[in-house]
C-alpha atoms as a PDB file:
ATOM      1  CA  ALA A   1       0.178   0.078  -0.224  1.00  0.00           C
ATOM      2  CA  ASN A   2       3.024   2.318   0.730  1.00  0.00           C
ATOM      3  CA  GLN A   3       4.842   1.439  -1.682  1.00  0.00           C
ATOM      4  CA  SER A   4       4.221   4.653  -4.752  1.00  0.00           C
ATOM      5  CA  LYS A   5       6.825   6.529  -1.723  1.00  0.00           C
ATOM      6  CA  PHE A   6      10.019   4.370  -2.399  1.00  0.00           C
ATOM      7  CA  TYR A   7       9.251   5.307  -6.327  1.00  0.00           C
ATOM      8  CA  PRO A   8      11.858   7.705  -6.047  1.00  0.00           C
ATOM      9  CA  ILE A   9      14.419   6.067  -4.339  1.00  0.00           C
ATOM     10  CA  PHE A  10      15.527   3.897  -7.110  1.00  0.00           C
ATOM     11  CA  ASP A  11      16.735   4.364 -10.107  1.00  0.00           C
ATOM     12  CA  LYS A  12      14.648   1.810 -12.258  1.00  0.00           C
ATOM     13  CA  ILE A  13      11.402  -0.018 -11.445  1.00  0.00           C
ATOM     14  CA  PHE A  14      10.461  -3.529 -13.269  1.00  0.00           C
ATOM     15  CA  LEU A  15       7.124  -4.930 -13.251  1.00  0.00           C
ATOM     16  CA  LEU A  16       6.906  -8.492 -13.535  1.00  0.00           C
ATOM     17  CA  THR A  17       3.130  -9.601 -15.037  1.00  0.00           C
ATOM     18  CA  THR A  18       1.431 -11.657 -16.462  1.00  0.00           C
ATOM     19  CA  ASN A  19      -2.246 -12.856 -17.059  1.00  0.00           C
ATOM     20  CA  ASP A  20      -4.868 -13.542 -14.197  1.00  0.00           C
ATOM     21  CA  ASP A  21      -5.046 -17.324 -14.534  1.00  0.00           C
ATOM     22  CA  LEU A  22      -0.928 -17.598 -14.368  1.00  0.00           C
ATOM     23  CA  ILE A  23      -1.564 -15.190 -11.447  1.00  0.00           C
ATOM     24  CA  SER A  24      -4.174 -17.601  -9.841  1.00  0.00           C
ATOM     25  CA  HIS A  25      -2.018 -20.791 -11.078  1.00  0.00           C
ATOM     26  CA  ARG A  26       1.056 -19.758  -9.084  1.00  0.00           C
ATOM     27  CA  LEU A  27      -0.924 -18.371  -5.979  1.00  0.00           C
ATOM     28  CA  LYS A  28      -3.055 -21.384  -5.742  1.00  0.00           C
ATOM     29  CA  ASN A  29      -0.116 -23.881  -6.248  1.00  0.00           C
ATOM     30  CA  ARG A  30       2.840 -22.631  -4.119  1.00  0.00           C
ATOM     31  CA  ARG A  31       4.364 -23.280  -1.403  1.00  0.00           C
ATOM     32  CA  GLY A  32       5.634 -21.713   2.036  1.00  0.00           C
ATOM     33  CA  ASN A  33       3.129 -19.461   1.618  1.00  0.00           C
ATOM     34  CA  ASP A  34      -0.096 -19.028   1.855  1.00  0.00           C
ATOM     35  CA  PHE A  35      -1.316 -15.857   0.516  1.00  0.00           C
ATOM     36  CA  GLY A  36      -3.668 -15.924  -2.572  1.00  0.00           C
ATOM     37  CA  LYS A  37      -4.679 -19.466  -1.653  1.00  0.00           C
ATOM     38  CA  HIS A  38      -7.545 -18.187   0.561  1.00  0.00           C
ATOM     39  CA  PRO A  39     -10.564 -17.195  -2.174  1.00  0.00           C
ATOM     40  CA  LEU A  40     -11.035 -13.785  -0.445  1.00  0.00           C
ATOM     41  CA  ASP A  41      -7.031 -13.154  -1.157  1.00  0.00           C
ATOM     42  CA  LEU A  42      -7.193 -14.569  -4.124  1.00  0.00           C
ATOM     43  CA  LYS A  43     -10.048 -12.318  -5.252  1.00  0.00           C
ATOM     44  CA  ARG A  44      -8.508  -9.134  -3.902  1.00  0.00           C
ATOM     45  CA  VAL A  45      -5.094 -10.052  -5.920  1.00  0.00           C
ATOM     46  CA  ILE A  46      -6.995 -10.062  -9.222  1.00  0.00           C
ATOM     47  CA  THR A  47      -9.377  -7.494  -8.661  1.00  0.00           C
ATOM     48  CA  ARG A  48      -6.018  -4.976  -7.870  1.00  0.00           C
ATOM     49  CA  HIS A  49      -3.827  -6.450 -10.593  1.00  0.00           C
ATOM     50  CA  ALA A  50      -4.644  -3.924 -13.733  1.00  0.00           C
ATOM     51  CA  ALA A  51      -4.397  -1.138 -11.807  1.00  0.00           C
ATOM     52  CA  PHE A  52      -1.279  -2.334 -10.355  1.00  0.00           C
ATOM     53  CA  ASP A  53       0.394  -3.305 -12.849  1.00  0.00           C
ATOM     54  CA  GLU A  54      -1.045   0.304 -14.111  1.00  0.00           C
ATOM     55  CA  GLU A  55       0.465   2.334 -11.408  1.00  0.00           C
ATOM     56  CA  LEU A  56       3.574   1.654 -12.081  1.00  0.00           C
ATOM     57  CA  ILE A  57       3.515   1.688 -15.588  1.00  0.00           C
ATOM     58  CA  ASP A  58       2.355   5.301 -14.842  1.00  0.00           C
ATOM     59  CA  GLN A  59       5.351   5.702 -13.193  1.00  0.00           C
ATOM     60  CA  GLY A  60       7.898   4.899 -15.851  1.00  0.00           C
ATOM     61  CA  ALA A  61       8.342   0.295 -14.755  1.00  0.00           C
ATOM     62  CA  ILE A  62      10.135  -1.421 -17.502  1.00  0.00           C
ATOM     63  CA  VAL A  63       7.337  -4.448 -18.237  1.00  0.00           C
ATOM     64  CA  ILE A  64       8.735  -7.647 -17.840  1.00  0.00           C
ATOM     65  CA  ASP A  65       6.933 -10.829 -19.081  1.00  0.00           C
ATOM     66  CA  ALA A  66       6.637 -12.875 -15.899  1.00  0.00           C
ATOM     67  CA  SER A  67       5.023 -15.790 -18.181  1.00  0.00           C
ATOM     68  CA  ARG A  68       8.440 -16.683 -19.583  1.00  0.00           C
ATOM     69  CA  PRO A  69      10.946 -18.954 -18.070  1.00  0.00           C
ATOM     70  CA  ILE A  70      12.944 -17.529 -14.940  1.00  0.00           C
ATOM     71  CA  GLU A  71      16.139 -17.597 -17.275  1.00  0.00           C
ATOM     72  CA  GLN A  72      15.040 -15.038 -19.879  1.00  0.00           C
ATOM     73  CA  MET A  73      13.458 -12.647 -17.731  1.00  0.00           C
ATOM     74  CA  VAL A  74      16.731 -11.974 -16.349  1.00  0.00           C
ATOM     75  CA  ASP A  75      18.257 -11.283 -19.359  1.00  0.00           C
ATOM     76  CA  GLU A  76      15.426  -8.688 -19.718  1.00  0.00           C
ATOM     77  CA  ILE A  77      15.916  -7.361 -16.718  1.00  0.00           C
ATOM     78  CA  LEU A  78      20.330  -6.853 -16.869  1.00  0.00           C
ATOM     79  CA  SER A  79      19.945  -5.981 -20.232  1.00  0.00           C
ATOM     80  CA  HIS A  80      18.154  -2.844 -19.392  1.00  0.00           C
ATOM     81  CA  ILE A  81      20.848  -2.277 -16.333  1.00  0.00           C
ATOM     82  CA  ASP A  82      23.320   0.495 -16.524  1.00  0.00           C
ATOM     83  CA  ASP A  83      25.958  -0.705 -13.507  1.00  0.00           C
ATOM     84  CA  GLY A  84      28.740   2.360 -15.192  1.00  0.00           C
ATOM     85  CA  ARG A  85      31.052   0.336 -15.253  1.00  0.00           C
END
Protein backbone atom coordinates (compact mmCIF):
# COMPACT_ATOMS: atom_id res chain seq x y z
CA ALA A 1 0.00 0.00 0.00
CA ASN A 2 2.88 2.39 0.61
CA GLN A 3 5.20 1.36 -2.18
CA SER A 4 4.80 4.64 -4.09
CA LYS A 5 6.79 6.50 -1.44
CA PHE A 6 9.82 4.40 -2.42
CA TYR A 7 9.69 5.00 -6.19
CA PRO A 8 11.94 8.08 -6.07
CA ILE A 9 14.85 6.19 -4.49
CA PHE A 10 15.18 3.77 -7.39
CA ASP A 11 16.78 4.45 -10.75
CA LYS A 12 14.58 1.82 -12.40
CA ILE A 13 11.45 -0.02 -11.48
CA PHE A 14 10.71 -3.42 -12.98
CA LEU A 15 7.20 -4.82 -13.20
CA LEU A 16 7.09 -8.58 -13.52
CA THR A 17 3.57 -9.31 -14.67
CA THR A 18 1.48 -11.97 -16.32
CA ASN A 19 -2.16 -12.80 -16.96
CA ASP A 20 -4.74 -13.45 -14.24
CA ASP A 21 -4.95 -17.18 -14.95
CA LEU A 22 -1.23 -17.70 -14.42
CA ILE A 23 -1.23 -15.52 -11.30
CA SER A 24 -4.11 -17.59 -9.89
CA HIS A 25 -2.34 -20.85 -10.72
CA ARG A 26 0.93 -19.72 -9.13
CA LEU A 27 -0.72 -18.46 -5.95
CA LYS A 28 -2.82 -21.58 -5.53
CA ASN A 29 0.12 -23.92 -6.08
CA ARG A 30 3.04 -22.23 -4.34
CA ARG A 31 4.55 -23.62 -1.19
CA GLY A 32 5.75 -21.87 1.92
CA ASN A 33 3.26 -19.01 1.79
CA ASP A 34 -0.50 -19.33 2.16
CA PHE A 35 -1.33 -15.84 0.88
CA GLY A 36 -3.51 -16.12 -2.20
CA LYS A 37 -4.82 -19.56 -1.44
CA HIS A 38 -7.92 -18.29 0.34
CA PRO A 39 -10.59 -17.31 -2.21
CA LEU A 40 -10.91 -13.78 -0.75
CA ASP A 41 -7.15 -13.18 -0.97
CA LEU A 42 -7.07 -14.48 -4.52
CA LYS A 43 -10.02 -12.31 -5.52
CA ARG A 44 -8.30 -9.25 -4.02
CA VAL A 45 -5.09 -9.93 -5.95
CA ILE A 46 -6.89 -10.47 -9.26
CA THR A 47 -9.19 -7.48 -8.74
CA ARG A 48 -6.22 -5.19 -8.00
CA HIS A 49 -3.90 -6.64 -10.66
CA ALA A 50 -4.71 -4.26 -13.54
CA ALA A 51 -4.62 -1.15 -11.34
CA PHE A 52 -1.34 -2.26 -9.76
CA ASP A 53 0.27 -2.77 -13.16
CA GLU A 54 -1.09 0.54 -14.42
CA GLU A 55 0.29 2.41 -11.39
CA LEU A 56 3.77 1.04 -11.99
CA ILE A 57 3.63 1.64 -15.73
CA ASP A 58 2.59 5.24 -15.06
CA GLN A 59 5.71 5.55 -12.91
CA GLY A 60 7.86 4.41 -15.83
CA ALA A 61 8.32 0.78 -14.83
CA ILE A 62 9.97 -1.53 -17.29
CA VAL A 63 7.46 -4.30 -17.97
CA ILE A 64 8.76 -7.87 -17.92
CA ASP A 65 6.57 -10.74 -19.10
CA ALA A 66 6.69 -13.13 -16.14
CA SER A 67 5.12 -15.99 -18.06
CA ARG A 68 8.45 -16.71 -19.73
CA PRO A 69 11.22 -18.92 -18.34
CA ILE A 70 13.16 -17.26 -15.54
CA GLU A 71 16.38 -17.21 -17.55
CA GLN A 72 14.71 -15.07 -20.21
CA MET A 73 13.31 -12.68 -17.62
CA VAL A 74 16.71 -12.30 -15.95
CA ASP A 75 18.38 -11.66 -19.31
CA GLU A 76 15.83 -8.96 -20.11
CA ILE A 77 16.25 -7.28 -16.72
CA LEU A 78 20.03 -7.36 -17.06
CA SER A 79 19.76 -5.81 -20.52
CA HIS A 80 18.15 -2.75 -18.90
CA ILE A 81 20.77 -2.29 -16.20
CA ASP A 82 23.75 -0.04 -16.69
CA ASP A 83 26.11 -0.73 -13.84
CA GLY A 84 28.39 2.15 -14.77
CA ARG A 85 31.42 0.00 -15.51
